[in-house]
Amino acid sequence: MSQINVFHEFIRYAEQEHLPIEGVAIADGDRVIEEHRFTPSLARNIYSHTKSYAVTGIGVAVEEGLLSLDDRLVDAFPEYVPDDAQPELGRITLRHLLTMSSGFNHPYLMNEDRRAGTGAPDYMAYMLTRRVEREPGSEFCYSSADSDLAGRMLEQATGERLGEYLFRTVFSKLDQGFPMWEADPQGHHIAGGGIHMTLTDMLKLGQVYLNGGVWHGRRIIGEEWVRMASSKQIDIPVTNIWTCGYGFQFWMSPYPGAYRADGAYGQITTVLPDQGLVVAVQCPETGDFDNVVRPALHEHLLLPLCV
């Protein structure tokens, strides 16, 4: 069955089963092949899909020599280091933050925490007084705080706010304008979440990575960074077929060479390198994505595309 036919069969299945999906699209490296809308096309919160955009900007800064994966968090923010800081705090590097292995071992500053005011008004002061419970680099623990700290390291190294830097190096080059983006109480954009994008804007990052870092002939990020970010850097606890490894702010996916940018409630861009495809979906907060939509995407769209 052709790729288009697989896509159309999935749309029929989704409509028949009344799947809670706002929109789904497939693309190659240059164009959107087809998009289907179940609701009007509007920019929406893509939650942790944001992390994959932020890490792309961090990759640019690394390539410019402004950051290194071995840079230490405490060296970027010595004024925040407590007098009685644990030795482990001094061993947290940018690499550990990008692989969710800081050692804090707790999902800090997740969306619900930020809504509740946890850590306000100064997220940096809050995080550098948390206990480091594991040796940095030794264990995966998914936490938006790790992403936020990495974003703050980028700001410190570049002298620009995260949003400014991403606009200059990524958004403007992808014709995405300046998206609405959640900021912390001090005005720092949240590297762990909160960008708002339409489906077809969101999936552009997948096209860049599918192309080895290039967008319509223009280099956005280096091929080596694409390789590192999109390949498994750390093992993670296996709870289902989707927990098969983590790169630099990208999740590995259960198809040959595949990986994804993954936001809460089903804001996902999956890159299928062997098929030369990007598959993206956006879903409502009210749907049961993990138990209803994700299995349907696997069985009726992603797996058939890989056959």
C-alpha atoms as a PDB file:
ATOM      1  CA  MET A   1       0.000   0.000   0.000  1.00  0.00           C
ATOM      2  CA  SER A   2       1.338   3.443  -0.904  1.00  0.00           C
ATOM      3  CA  GLN A   3       2.174   6.016   1.765  1.00  0.00           C
ATOM      4  CA  ILE A   4      -0.775   8.189   0.724  1.00  0.00           C
ATOM      5  CA  ASN A   5      -3.149   5.243   0.897  1.00  0.00           C
ATOM      6  CA  VAL A   6      -1.869   4.325   4.355  1.00  0.00           C
ATOM      7  CA  PHE A   7      -2.495   7.901   5.446  1.00  0.00           C
ATOM      8  CA  HIS A   8      -6.022   7.919   3.997  1.00  0.00           C
ATOM      9  CA  GLU A   9      -6.823   4.578   5.639  1.00  0.00           C
ATOM     10  CA  PHE A  10      -5.730   6.001   8.977  1.00  0.00           C
ATOM     11  CA  ILE A  11      -7.987   9.033   8.518  1.00  0.00           C
ATOM     12  CA  ARG A  12     -10.933   6.744   7.801  1.00  0.00           C
ATOM     13  CA  TYR A  13     -10.122   4.683  10.884  1.00  0.00           C
ATOM     14  CA  ALA A  14      -9.758   7.793  13.068  1.00  0.00           C
ATOM     15  CA  GLU A  15     -13.108   9.125  11.907  1.00  0.00           C
ATOM     16  CA  GLN A  16     -14.803   5.776  12.359  1.00  0.00           C
ATOM     17  CA  GLU A  17     -13.449   5.391  15.903  1.00  0.00           C
ATOM     18  CA  HIS A  18     -13.923   9.072  16.782  1.00  0.00           C
ATOM     19  CA  LEU A  19     -10.284   9.340  17.867  1.00  0.00           C
ATOM     20  CA  PRO A  20      -9.522  12.554  19.760  1.00  0.00           C
ATOM     21  CA  ILE A  21      -7.131  14.097  17.220  1.00  0.00           C
ATOM     22  CA  GLU A  22      -6.947  17.717  16.083  1.00  0.00           C
ATOM     23  CA  GLY A  23      -4.773  17.164  13.034  1.00  0.00           C
ATOM     24  CA  VAL A  24      -2.285  14.775  11.451  1.00  0.00           C
ATOM     25  CA  ALA A  25       0.193  15.277   8.613  1.00  0.00           C
ATOM     26  CA  ILE A  26       2.925  13.487   6.720  1.00  0.00           C
ATOM     27  CA  ALA A  27       5.845  15.199   5.033  1.00  0.00           C
ATOM     28  CA  ASP A  28       9.111  14.475   3.328  1.00  0.00           C
ATOM     29  CA  GLY A  29      12.183  16.644   3.719  1.00  0.00           C
ATOM     30  CA  ASP A  30      10.870  19.402   1.472  1.00  0.00           C
ATOM     31  CA  ARG A  31       7.094  19.554   1.643  1.00  0.00           C
ATOM     32  CA  VAL A  32       3.984  18.558   3.502  1.00  0.00           C
ATOM     33  CA  ILE A  33       2.635  15.651   1.475  1.00  0.00           C
ATOM     34  CA  GLU A  34      -0.775  15.704   3.095  1.00  0.00           C
ATOM     35  CA  GLU A  35      -2.479  17.183   6.153  1.00  0.00           C
ATOM     36  CA  HIS A  36      -5.885  16.298   7.533  1.00  0.00           C
ATOM     37  CA  ARG A  37      -7.670  18.530  10.008  1.00  0.00           C
ATOM     38  CA  PHE A  38     -10.319  17.276  12.417  1.00  0.00           C
ATOM     39  CA  THR A  39     -10.513  20.762  13.958  1.00  0.00           C
ATOM     40  CA  PRO A  40      -9.523  24.219  12.621  1.00  0.00           C
ATOM     41  CA  SER A  41      -5.788  24.810  12.229  1.00  0.00           C
ATOM     42  CA  LEU A  42      -4.676  26.997  15.141  1.00  0.00           C
ATOM     43  CA  ALA A  43      -1.394  27.457  16.964  1.00  0.00           C
ATOM     44  CA  ARG A  44      -1.573  25.405  20.157  1.00  0.00           C
ATOM     45  CA  ASN A  45       0.657  24.536  23.094  1.00  0.00           C
ATOM     46  CA  ILE A  46       3.065  21.816  21.990  1.00  0.00           C
ATOM     47  CA  TYR A  47       4.257  21.222  25.559  1.00  0.00           C
ATOM     48  CA  SER A  48       7.494  19.201  25.749  1.00  0.00           C
ATOM     49  CA  HIS A  49       7.894  19.124  21.973  1.00  0.00           C
ATOM     50  CA  THR A  50       9.454  22.500  22.845  1.00  0.00           C
ATOM     51  CA  LYS A  51      12.473  20.669  24.282  1.00  0.00           C
ATOM     52  CA  SER A  52      13.519  19.476  20.828  1.00  0.00           C
ATOM     53  CA  TYR A  53      13.417  23.036  19.508  1.00  0.00           C
ATOM     54  CA  ALA A  54      15.444  24.313  22.463  1.00  0.00           C
ATOM     55  CA  VAL A  55      18.112  21.641  22.061  1.00  0.00           C
ATOM     56  CA  THR A  56      18.508  22.621  18.423  1.00  0.00           C
ATOM     57  CA  GLY A  57      19.431  26.134  19.525  1.00  0.00           C
ATOM     58  CA  ILE A  58      21.801  24.667  22.095  1.00  0.00           C
ATOM     59  CA  GLY A  59      23.401  22.655  19.306  1.00  0.00           C
ATOM     60  CA  VAL A  60      23.976  25.821  17.301  1.00  0.00           C
ATOM     61  CA  ALA A  61      25.661  27.415  20.324  1.00  0.00           C
ATOM     62  CA  VAL A  62      27.889  24.343  20.738  1.00  0.00           C
ATOM     63  CA  GLU A  63      28.867  24.545  17.080  1.00  0.00           C
ATOM     64  CA  GLU A  64      29.653  28.239  17.486  1.00  0.00           C
ATOM     65  CA  GLY A  65      32.003  27.364  20.342  1.00  0.00           C
ATOM     66  CA  LEU A  66      29.895  29.200  22.915  1.00  0.00           C
ATOM     67  CA  LEU A  67      28.967  26.050  24.825  1.00  0.00           C
ATOM     68  CA  SER A  68      30.393  22.594  25.406  1.00  0.00           C
ATOM     69  CA  LEU A  69      28.609  19.429  26.437  1.00  0.00           C
ATOM     70  CA  ASP A  70      31.105  19.203  29.292  1.00  0.00           C
ATOM     71  CA  ASP A  71      30.376  22.697  30.648  1.00  0.00           C
ATOM     72  CA  ARG A  72      29.346  22.560  34.298  1.00  0.00           C
ATOM     73  CA  LEU A  73      26.108  24.063  35.540  1.00  0.00           C
ATOM     74  CA  VAL A  74      27.763  25.608  38.602  1.00  0.00           C
ATOM     75  CA  ASP A  75      30.372  27.393  36.486  1.00  0.00           C
ATOM     76  CA  ALA A  76      27.620  29.160  34.565  1.00  0.00           C
ATOM     77  CA  PHE A  77      25.850  30.304  37.752  1.00  0.00           C
ATOM     78  CA  PRO A  78      28.396  30.537  40.594  1.00  0.00           C
ATOM     79  CA  GLU A  79      26.281  33.178  42.342  1.00  0.00           C
ATOM     80  CA  TYR A  80      23.519  30.606  42.859  1.00  0.00           C
ATOM     81  CA  VAL A  81      25.694  27.849  44.340  1.00  0.00           C
ATOM     82  CA  PRO A  82      24.910  27.370  48.061  1.00  0.00           C
ATOM     83  CA  ASP A  83      27.772  27.513  50.537  1.00  0.00           C
ATOM     84  CA  ASP A  84      26.939  23.969  51.622  1.00  0.00           C
ATOM     85  CA  ALA A  85      26.470  22.605  48.084  1.00  0.00           C
ATOM     86  CA  GLN A  86      26.848  18.877  47.567  1.00  0.00           C
ATOM     87  CA  PRO A  87      29.892  17.777  45.543  1.00  0.00           C
ATOM     88  CA  GLU A  88      27.480  16.115  43.101  1.00  0.00           C
ATOM     89  CA  LEU A  89      25.983  19.502  42.186  1.00  0.00           C
ATOM     90  CA  GLY A  90      29.382  20.543  40.876  1.00  0.00           C
ATOM     91  CA  ARG A  91      29.510  17.518  38.588  1.00  0.00           C
ATOM     92  CA  ILE A  92      26.310  18.272  36.628  1.00  0.00           C
ATOM     93  CA  THR A  93      27.165  19.125  33.017  1.00  0.00           C
ATOM     94  CA  LEU A  94      25.192  20.285  30.010  1.00  0.00           C
ATOM     95  CA  ARG A  95      25.327  16.727  28.670  1.00  0.00           C
ATOM     96  CA  HIS A  96      23.631  15.445  31.816  1.00  0.00           C
ATOM     97  CA  LEU A  97      20.867  18.030  31.505  1.00  0.00           C
ATOM     98  CA  LEU A  98      20.224  17.172  27.849  1.00  0.00           C
ATOM     99  CA  THR A  99      19.977  13.447  28.660  1.00  0.00           C
ATOM    100  CA  MET A 100      17.722  13.938  31.711  1.00  0.00           C
ATOM    101  CA  SER A 101      20.405  12.524  33.988  1.00  0.00           C
ATOM    102  CA  SER A 102      21.209  15.505  36.230  1.00  0.00           C
ATOM    103  CA  GLY A 103      20.859  13.356  39.337  1.00  0.00           C
ATOM    104  CA  PHE A 104      18.117  15.461  40.924  1.00  0.00           C
ATOM    105  CA  ASN A 105      16.045  12.325  40.339  1.00  0.00           C
ATOM    106  CA  HIS A 106      12.684  14.079  40.485  1.00  0.00           C
ATOM    107  CA  PRO A 107      10.431  15.523  37.750  1.00  0.00           C
ATOM    108  CA  TYR A 108      10.841  19.164  38.767  1.00  0.00           C
ATOM    109  CA  LEU A 109       9.167  22.167  37.122  1.00  0.00           C
ATOM    110  CA  MET A 110       6.716  20.145  35.091  1.00  0.00           C
ATOM    111  CA  ASN A 111       3.711  21.957  33.644  1.00  0.00           C
ATOM    112  CA  GLU A 112       1.498  21.414  36.684  1.00  0.00           C
ATOM    113  CA  ASP A 113       4.296  22.577  39.012  1.00  0.00           C
ATOM    114  CA  ARG A 114       4.744  25.804  37.101  1.00  0.00           C
ATOM    115  CA  ARG A 115       0.983  26.445  37.147  1.00  0.00           C
ATOM    116  CA  ALA A 116       1.014  25.957  40.917  1.00  0.00           C
ATOM    117  CA  GLY A 117       3.844  28.488  41.354  1.00  0.00           C
ATOM    118  CA  THR A 118       6.415  25.911  42.443  1.00  0.00           C
ATOM    119  CA  GLY A 119       9.916  27.357  42.212  1.00  0.00           C
ATOM    120  CA  ALA A 120       8.705  30.919  41.683  1.00  0.00           C
ATOM    121  CA  PRO A 121       9.961  33.536  41.381  1.00  0.00           C
ATOM    122  CA  ASP A 122      13.507  32.268  40.699  1.00  0.00           C
ATOM    123  CA  TYR A 123      13.741  28.818  39.133  1.00  0.00           C
ATOM    124  CA  MET A 124      17.541  28.844  39.218  1.00  0.00           C
ATOM    125  CA  ALA A 125      17.661  29.532  42.951  1.00  0.00           C
ATOM    126  CA  TYR A 126      15.031  26.855  43.486  1.00  0.00           C
ATOM    127  CA  MET A 127      16.808  24.141  41.495  1.00  0.00           C
ATOM    128  CA  LEU A 128      20.300  24.731  42.849  1.00  0.00           C
ATOM    129  CA  THR A 129      19.001  24.165  46.359  1.00  0.00           C
ATOM    130  CA  ARG A 130      17.393  20.806  45.468  1.00  0.00           C
ATOM    131  CA  ARG A 131      19.167  17.690  46.649  1.00  0.00           C
ATOM    132  CA  VAL A 132      21.162  15.749  44.048  1.00  0.00           C
ATOM    133  CA  GLU A 133      20.070  12.199  44.798  1.00  0.00           C
ATOM    134  CA  ARG A 134      22.023  10.279  42.134  1.00  0.00           C
ATOM    135  CA  GLU A 135      25.442  10.619  40.582  1.00  0.00           C
ATOM    136  CA  PRO A 136      25.010  12.891  37.531  1.00  0.00           C
ATOM    137  CA  GLY A 137      24.939  10.885  34.329  1.00  0.00           C
ATOM    138  CA  SER A 138      24.094   7.609  36.022  1.00  0.00           C
ATOM    139  CA  GLU A 139      20.308   7.464  35.778  1.00  0.00           C
ATOM    140  CA  PHE A 140      17.508   8.823  33.592  1.00  0.00           C
ATOM    141  CA  CYS A 141      14.733  10.844  35.222  1.00  0.00           C
ATOM    142  CA  TYR A 142      12.494  12.880  32.937  1.00  0.00           C
ATOM    143  CA  SER A 143      12.291  16.448  34.241  1.00  0.00           C
ATOM    144  CA  SER A 144      11.497  19.757  32.567  1.00  0.00           C
ATOM    145  CA  ALA A 145      13.866  21.370  35.056  1.00  0.00           C
ATOM    146  CA  ASP A 146      16.837  19.707  33.338  1.00  0.00           C
ATOM    147  CA  SER A 147      15.733  21.291  30.059  1.00  0.00           C
ATOM    148  CA  ASP A 148      15.182  24.678  31.702  1.00  0.00           C
ATOM    149  CA  LEU A 149      18.637  24.639  33.279  1.00  0.00           C
ATOM    150  CA  ALA A 150      20.161  23.793  29.893  1.00  0.00           C
ATOM    151  CA  GLY A 151      18.264  26.708  28.363  1.00  0.00           C
ATOM    152  CA  ARG A 152      19.587  29.033  31.035  1.00  0.00           C
ATOM    153  CA  MET A 153      23.129  27.824  30.306  1.00  0.00           C
ATOM    154  CA  LEU A 154      22.576  28.801  26.676  1.00  0.00           C
ATOM    155  CA  GLU A 155      21.428  32.269  27.740  1.00  0.00           C
ATOM    156  CA  GLN A 156      24.475  32.720  29.955  1.00  0.00           C
ATOM    157  CA  ALA A 157      26.847  31.605  27.192  1.00  0.00           C
ATOM    158  CA  THR A 158      25.308  33.666  24.386  1.00  0.00           C
ATOM    159  CA  GLY A 159      24.234  36.783  26.250  1.00  0.00           C
ATOM    160  CA  GLU A 160      20.786  36.454  24.657  1.00  0.00           C
ATOM    161  CA  ARG A 161      17.453  35.279  26.012  1.00  0.00           C
ATOM    162  CA  LEU A 162      16.493  31.818  24.799  1.00  0.00           C
ATOM    163  CA  GLY A 163      13.630  33.158  22.692  1.00  0.00           C
ATOM    164  CA  GLU A 164      15.862  35.743  21.040  1.00  0.00           C
ATOM    165  CA  TYR A 165      18.517  33.176  20.220  1.00  0.00           C
ATOM    166  CA  LEU A 166      16.031  30.617  18.873  1.00  0.00           C
ATOM    167  CA  PHE A 167      14.350  33.275  16.765  1.00  0.00           C
ATOM    168  CA  ARG A 168      17.658  34.277  15.197  1.00  0.00           C
ATOM    169  CA  THR A 169      19.022  30.767  14.658  1.00  0.00           C
ATOM    170  CA  VAL A 170      15.929  28.617  14.103  1.00  0.00           C
ATOM    171  CA  PHE A 171      12.451  30.205  13.966  1.00  0.00           C
ATOM    172  CA  SER A 172      13.230  32.970  11.479  1.00  0.00           C
ATOM    173  CA  LYS A 173      15.050  30.541   9.168  1.00  0.00           C
ATOM    174  CA  LEU A 174      12.070  28.175   9.193  1.00  0.00           C
ATOM    175  CA  ASP A 175       9.565  30.961   8.471  1.00  0.00           C
ATOM    176  CA  GLN A 176       7.849  30.396  11.826  1.00  0.00           C
ATOM    177  CA  GLY A 177       7.744  33.993  13.015  1.00  0.00           C
ATOM    178  CA  PHE A 178       8.099  34.400  16.776  1.00  0.00           C
ATOM    179  CA  PRO A 179       5.774  31.867  18.420  1.00  0.00           C
ATOM    180  CA  MET A 180       3.911  32.495  21.632  1.00  0.00           C
ATOM    181  CA  TRP A 181       6.058  30.880  24.336  1.00  0.00           C
ATOM    182  CA  GLU A 182       5.659  30.477  28.074  1.00  0.00           C
ATOM    183  CA  ALA A 183       8.199  32.324  30.244  1.00  0.00           C
ATOM    184  CA  ASP A 184       9.135  31.965  33.896  1.00  0.00           C
ATOM    185  CA  PRO A 185       8.368  34.718  36.439  1.00  0.00           C
ATOM    186  CA  GLN A 186      11.656  36.446  35.534  1.00  0.00           C
ATOM    187  CA  GLY A 187      10.948  36.437  31.811  1.00  0.00           C
ATOM    188  CA  HIS A 188      13.154  33.526  30.728  1.00  0.00           C
ATOM    189  CA  HIS A 189      11.452  31.357  28.124  1.00  0.00           C
ATOM    190  CA  ILE A 190      10.843  27.812  29.317  1.00  0.00           C
ATOM    191  CA  ALA A 191      13.139  25.397  27.484  1.00  0.00           C
ATOM    192  CA  GLY A 192      11.038  22.519  28.764  1.00  0.00           C
ATOM    193  CA  GLY A 193       7.708  23.507  27.251  1.00  0.00           C
ATOM    194  CA  GLY A 194       5.161  26.108  26.282  1.00  0.00           C
ATOM    195  CA  ILE A 195       5.780  26.959  22.622  1.00  0.00           C
ATOM    196  CA  HIS A 196       2.584  27.401  20.578  1.00  0.00           C
ATOM    197  CA  MET A 197       2.641  26.266  16.927  1.00  0.00           C
ATOM    198  CA  THR A 198       0.357  24.977  14.221  1.00  0.00           C
ATOM    199  CA  LEU A 199       0.820  21.384  13.121  1.00  0.00           C
ATOM    200  CA  THR A 200       2.650  22.204   9.904  1.00  0.00           C
ATOM    201  CA  ASP A 201       4.954  24.676  11.646  1.00  0.00           C
ATOM    202  CA  MET A 202       5.663  22.185  14.434  1.00  0.00           C
ATOM    203  CA  LEU A 203       6.724  19.432  12.037  1.00  0.00           C
ATOM    204  CA  LYS A 204       9.312  21.632  10.295  1.00  0.00           C
ATOM    205  CA  LEU A 205      11.834  20.644  12.954  1.00  0.00           C
ATOM    206  CA  GLY A 206      11.364  17.007  11.934  1.00  0.00           C
ATOM    207  CA  GLN A 207      12.049  17.937   8.322  1.00  0.00           C
ATOM    208  CA  VAL A 208      15.270  19.691   9.362  1.00  0.00           C
ATOM    209  CA  TYR A 209      16.447  16.585  11.208  1.00  0.00           C
ATOM    210  CA  LEU A 210      15.343  14.246   8.412  1.00  0.00           C
ATOM    211  CA  ASN A 211      17.523  16.338   6.082  1.00  0.00           C
ATOM    212  CA  GLY A 212      20.552  16.089   8.372  1.00  0.00           C
ATOM    213  CA  GLY A 213      20.149  19.658   9.621  1.00  0.00           C
ATOM    214  CA  VAL A 214      19.157  21.408   6.391  1.00  0.00           C
ATOM    215  CA  TRP A 215      15.968  23.324   5.533  1.00  0.00           C
ATOM    216  CA  HIS A 216      15.325  24.031   1.830  1.00  0.00           C
ATOM    217  CA  GLY A 217      19.042  24.032   1.103  1.00  0.00           C
ATOM    218  CA  ARG A 218      19.975  26.176   4.111  1.00  0.00           C
ATOM    219  CA  ARG A 219      21.986  24.694   6.958  1.00  0.00           C
ATOM    220  CA  ILE A 220      20.206  25.145  10.322  1.00  0.00           C
ATOM    221  CA  ILE A 221      22.190  22.771  12.517  1.00  0.00           C
ATOM    222  CA  GLY A 222      25.214  20.568  11.892  1.00  0.00           C
ATOM    223  CA  GLU A 223      24.858  16.966  10.773  1.00  0.00           C
ATOM    224  CA  GLU A 224      26.884  15.692  13.730  1.00  0.00           C
ATOM    225  CA  TRP A 225      24.556  17.394  16.219  1.00  0.00           C
ATOM    226  CA  VAL A 226      21.567  15.874  14.426  1.00  0.00           C
ATOM    227  CA  ARG A 227      23.182  12.459  14.738  1.00  0.00           C
ATOM    228  CA  MET A 228      23.918  12.856  18.447  1.00  0.00           C
ATOM    229  CA  ALA A 229      20.592  14.402  19.408  1.00  0.00           C
ATOM    230  CA  SER A 230      18.580  11.801  17.511  1.00  0.00           C
ATOM    231  CA  SER A 231      20.459   8.689  18.648  1.00  0.00           C
ATOM    232  CA  LYS A 232      20.243   6.923  21.991  1.00  0.00           C
ATOM    233  CA  GLN A 233      22.460   8.592  24.584  1.00  0.00           C
ATOM    234  CA  ILE A 234      21.022   6.945  27.683  1.00  0.00           C
ATOM    235  CA  ASP A 235      18.952   3.899  28.574  1.00  0.00           C
ATOM    236  CA  ILE A 236      15.604   4.523  30.194  1.00  0.00           C
ATOM    237  CA  PRO A 237      13.239   2.286  32.208  1.00  0.00           C
ATOM    238  CA  VAL A 238      11.265   0.143  29.773  1.00  0.00           C
ATOM    239  CA  THR A 239       7.544   0.358  30.475  1.00  0.00           C
ATOM    240  CA  ASN A 240       6.178  -0.060  26.911  1.00  0.00           C
ATOM    241  CA  ILE A 241       7.369  -0.039  23.301  1.00  0.00           C
ATOM    242  CA  TRP A 242       7.763   3.754  23.391  1.00  0.00           C
ATOM    243  CA  THR A 243      10.385   3.767  26.158  1.00  0.00           C
ATOM    244  CA  CYS A 244      13.288   2.547  24.058  1.00  0.00           C
ATOM    245  CA  GLY A 245      15.902   5.200  24.757  1.00  0.00           C
ATOM    246  CA  TYR A 246      16.544   8.931  24.945  1.00  0.00           C
ATOM    247  CA  GLY A 247      18.890  11.189  22.997  1.00  0.00           C
ATOM    248  CA  PHE A 248      19.410  14.900  23.525  1.00  0.00           C
ATOM    249  CA  GLN A 249      15.813  16.009  24.211  1.00  0.00           C
ATOM    250  CA  PHE A 250      14.461  13.524  21.664  1.00  0.00           C
ATOM    251  CA  TRP A 251      12.850  10.144  22.393  1.00  0.00           C
ATOM    252  CA  MET A 252      13.748   7.039  20.427  1.00  0.00           C
ATOM    253  CA  SER A 253      10.810   5.361  18.646  1.00  0.00           C
ATOM    254  CA  PRO A 254      10.198   1.640  17.977  1.00  0.00           C
ATOM    255  CA  TYR A 255      10.883   1.738  14.234  1.00  0.00           C
ATOM    256  CA  PRO A 256      14.251   1.410  12.457  1.00  0.00           C
ATOM    257  CA  GLY A 257      16.312   4.540  13.154  1.00  0.00           C
ATOM    258  CA  ALA A 258      13.219   6.482  14.238  1.00  0.00           C
ATOM    259  CA  TYR A 259      12.926   9.160  16.912  1.00  0.00           C
ATOM    260  CA  ARG A 260      10.427  11.776  18.015  1.00  0.00           C
ATOM    261  CA  ALA A 261       9.838  15.145  19.610  1.00  0.00           C
ATOM    262  CA  ASP A 262       7.115  14.370  22.132  1.00  0.00           C
ATOM    263  CA  GLY A 263       4.790  16.796  23.911  1.00  0.00           C
ATOM    264  CA  ALA A 264       2.072  16.092  26.447  1.00  0.00           C
ATOM    265  CA  TYR A 265      -1.378  14.952  25.294  1.00  0.00           C
ATOM    266  CA  GLY A 266      -0.092  13.994  21.846  1.00  0.00           C
ATOM    267  CA  GLN A 267       1.891  16.837  20.265  1.00  0.00           C
ATOM    268  CA  ILE A 268       4.354  14.619  18.442  1.00  0.00           C
ATOM    269  CA  THR A 269       6.664  14.753  15.449  1.00  0.00           C
ATOM    270  CA  THR A 270       8.117  11.372  14.490  1.00  0.00           C
ATOM    271  CA  VAL A 271      11.034  11.131  12.061  1.00  0.00           C
ATOM    272  CA  LEU A 272      11.221   7.920   9.998  1.00  0.00           C
ATOM    273  CA  PRO A 273      14.628   8.166   8.303  1.00  0.00           C
ATOM    274  CA  ASP A 274      14.414   4.867   6.390  1.00  0.00           C
ATOM    275  CA  GLN A 275      11.123   5.956   4.830  1.00  0.00           C
ATOM    276  CA  GLY A 276      12.201   9.558   4.272  1.00  0.00           C
ATOM    277  CA  LEU A 277       9.126  10.713   6.160  1.00  0.00           C
ATOM    278  CA  VAL A 278       8.014  12.927   9.014  1.00  0.00           C
ATOM    279  CA  VAL A 279       4.689  12.155  10.698  1.00  0.00           C
ATOM    280  CA  ALA A 280       3.175  14.736  13.020  1.00  0.00           C
ATOM    281  CA  VAL A 281       0.048  14.822  15.123  1.00  0.00           C
ATOM    282  CA  GLN A 282      -1.646  17.241  17.503  1.00  0.00           C
ATOM    283  CA  CYS A 283      -4.303  16.162  19.987  1.00  0.00           C
ATOM    284  CA  PRO A 284      -6.570  17.765  22.580  1.00  0.00           C
ATOM    285  CA  GLU A 285      -5.856  17.773  26.295  1.00  0.00           C
ATOM    286  CA  THR A 286      -9.160  16.006  26.924  1.00  0.00           C
ATOM    287  CA  GLY A 287      -8.389  12.875  24.889  1.00  0.00           C
ATOM    288  CA  ASP A 288      -6.815   9.689  26.266  1.00  0.00           C
ATOM    289  CA  PHE A 289      -3.748   9.877  24.051  1.00  0.00           C
ATOM    290  CA  ASP A 290      -1.572   7.196  25.639  1.00  0.00           C
ATOM    291  CA  ASN A 291      -4.245   4.508  25.793  1.00  0.00           C
ATOM    292  CA  VAL A 292      -6.310   5.320  22.715  1.00  0.00           C
ATOM    293  CA  VAL A 293      -4.563   7.491  20.125  1.00  0.00           C
ATOM    294  CA  ARG A 294      -0.949   6.373  20.506  1.00  0.00           C
ATOM    295  CA  PRO A 295      -1.765   2.668  19.946  1.00  0.00           C
ATOM    296  CA  ALA A 296      -3.925   3.615  16.961  1.00  0.00           C
ATOM    297  CA  LEU A 297      -1.124   5.693  15.441  1.00  0.00           C
ATOM    298  CA  HIS A 298       1.256   2.777  15.901  1.00  0.00           C
ATOM    299  CA  GLU A 299      -1.005   0.076  14.479  1.00  0.00           C
ATOM    300  CA  HIS A 300      -2.747   1.992  11.705  1.00  0.00           C
ATOM    301  CA  LEU A 301      -0.234   4.627  10.550  1.00  0.00           C
ATOM    302  CA  LEU A 302       3.375   4.427  11.718  1.00  0.00           C
ATOM    303  CA  LEU A 303       3.856   0.663  11.527  1.00  0.00           C
ATOM    304  CA  PRO A 304       2.185   0.351   8.095  1.00  0.00           C
ATOM    305  CA  LEU A 305       4.345   3.200   6.783  1.00  0.00           C
ATOM    306  CA  CYS A 306       7.429   1.231   7.845  1.00  0.00           C
ATOM    307  CA  VAL A 307       6.426  -2.031   6.162  1.00  0.00           C
END
